[in-house]
Amino acid sequence: MADVVEPPRSWGKEEKQRFLQLPRDLQLYFAKREQQRDDTVRRAQNEAAQARREMKELQAKLAASEERLAKIEEKNAETRDVAA
């Protein structure tokens, strides 16, 4: 007898029971498609997490640049006041 095809983990109890009643070729098909879907979702989640990390780094760099610019503008204003 062939190995049992495990129902997709994300499926509910009733769906898993119905899955086990399907012909083996459909079980294999659904199991493969669900694995592909899971892989795609996981990849998208990882990419989103990486994008959030990169955004946070860029925001920190922007804040530091804005702070430096504010100091430069303050010094320029002081220089103008002294020159006037």
Protein backbone atom coordinates (compact mmCIF):
# COMPACT_ATOMS: atom_id res chain seq x y z
CA MET A 1 0.00 0.00 0.00
CA ALA A 2 1.22 3.50 -0.83
CA ASP A 3 2.20 5.99 1.84
CA VAL A 4 -0.58 8.12 3.26
CA VAL A 5 -0.66 11.64 1.89
CA GLU A 6 -0.94 14.04 4.83
CA PRO A 7 -3.63 16.71 4.54
CA PRO A 8 -2.38 20.30 4.33
CA ARG A 9 -1.57 21.60 7.81
CA SER A 10 -3.48 24.83 7.31
CA TRP A 11 -6.76 23.04 6.59
CA GLY A 12 -9.42 22.64 9.28
CA LYS A 13 -10.43 19.34 10.84
CA GLU A 14 -13.42 18.80 8.54
CA GLU A 15 -11.43 19.66 5.43
CA LYS A 16 -8.69 17.26 6.48
CA GLN A 17 -11.23 14.48 6.89
CA ARG A 18 -12.66 15.17 3.44
CA PHE A 19 -9.11 15.31 2.02
CA LEU A 20 -8.48 11.77 3.27
CA GLN A 21 -11.54 10.58 1.35
CA LEU A 22 -10.27 11.97 -1.96
CA PRO A 23 -8.63 9.72 -4.55
CA ARG A 24 -4.86 9.56 -4.11
CA ASP A 25 -4.12 11.54 -7.29
CA LEU A 26 -6.23 14.44 -6.00
CA GLN A 27 -4.62 14.20 -2.58
CA LEU A 28 -1.20 14.48 -4.21
CA TYR A 29 -2.35 17.38 -6.36
CA PHE A 30 -3.84 19.34 -3.45
CA ALA A 31 -0.89 18.58 -1.19
CA LYS A 32 1.54 19.84 -3.85
CA ARG A 33 -0.50 23.01 -4.54
CA GLU A 34 -0.82 23.78 -0.84
CA GLN A 35 2.93 23.33 -0.38
CA GLN A 36 3.58 25.70 -3.27
CA ARG A 37 1.14 28.19 -1.75
CA ASP A 38 2.80 27.87 1.67
CA ASP A 39 6.23 28.40 0.09
CA THR A 40 5.00 31.49 -1.76
CA VAL A 41 3.40 32.96 1.36
CA ARG A 42 6.52 32.27 3.43
CA ARG A 43 8.74 33.87 0.77
CA ALA A 44 6.47 36.93 0.63
CA GLN A 45 6.51 37.23 4.43
CA ASN A 46 10.31 37.03 4.46
CA GLU A 47 10.57 39.64 1.71
CA ALA A 48 8.17 41.93 3.59
CA ALA A 49 10.16 41.53 6.80
CA GLN A 50 13.38 42.36 4.93
CA ALA A 51 11.74 45.41 3.35
CA ARG A 52 10.61 46.59 6.81
CA ARG A 53 14.16 46.20 8.16
CA GLU A 54 15.59 48.13 5.21
CA MET A 55 12.94 50.85 5.59
CA LYS A 56 13.78 51.20 9.28
CA GLU A 57 17.49 51.58 8.43
CA LEU A 58 16.70 54.20 5.77
CA GLN A 59 14.44 56.09 8.17
CA ALA A 60 17.25 56.17 10.74
CA LYS A 61 19.70 57.46 8.12
CA LEU A 62 17.19 60.08 7.00
CA ALA A 63 16.63 61.24 10.57
CA ALA A 64 20.40 61.55 11.10
CA SER A 65 20.77 63.49 7.84
CA GLU A 66 17.91 65.81 8.78
CA GLU A 67 19.57 66.42 12.14
CA ARG A 68 22.91 67.25 10.48
CA LEU A 69 21.16 69.56 8.02
CA ALA A 70 19.37 71.37 10.85
CA LYS A 71 22.71 71.95 12.60
CA ILE A 72 24.27 73.27 9.37
CA GLU A 73 21.33 75.59 8.82
CA GLU A 74 21.59 76.79 12.41
CA LYS A 75 25.30 77.55 12.00
CA ASN A 76 24.62 79.34 8.71
CA ALA A 77 21.96 81.46 10.41
CA GLU A 78 24.39 82.31 13.22
CA THR A 79 27.06 83.23 10.66
CA ARG A 80 24.61 85.53 8.86
CA ASP A 81 23.61 87.15 12.15
CA VAL A 82 27.27 87.79 13.08
CA ALA A 83 28.04 89.16 9.61
CA ALA A 84 25.06 91.51 9.69
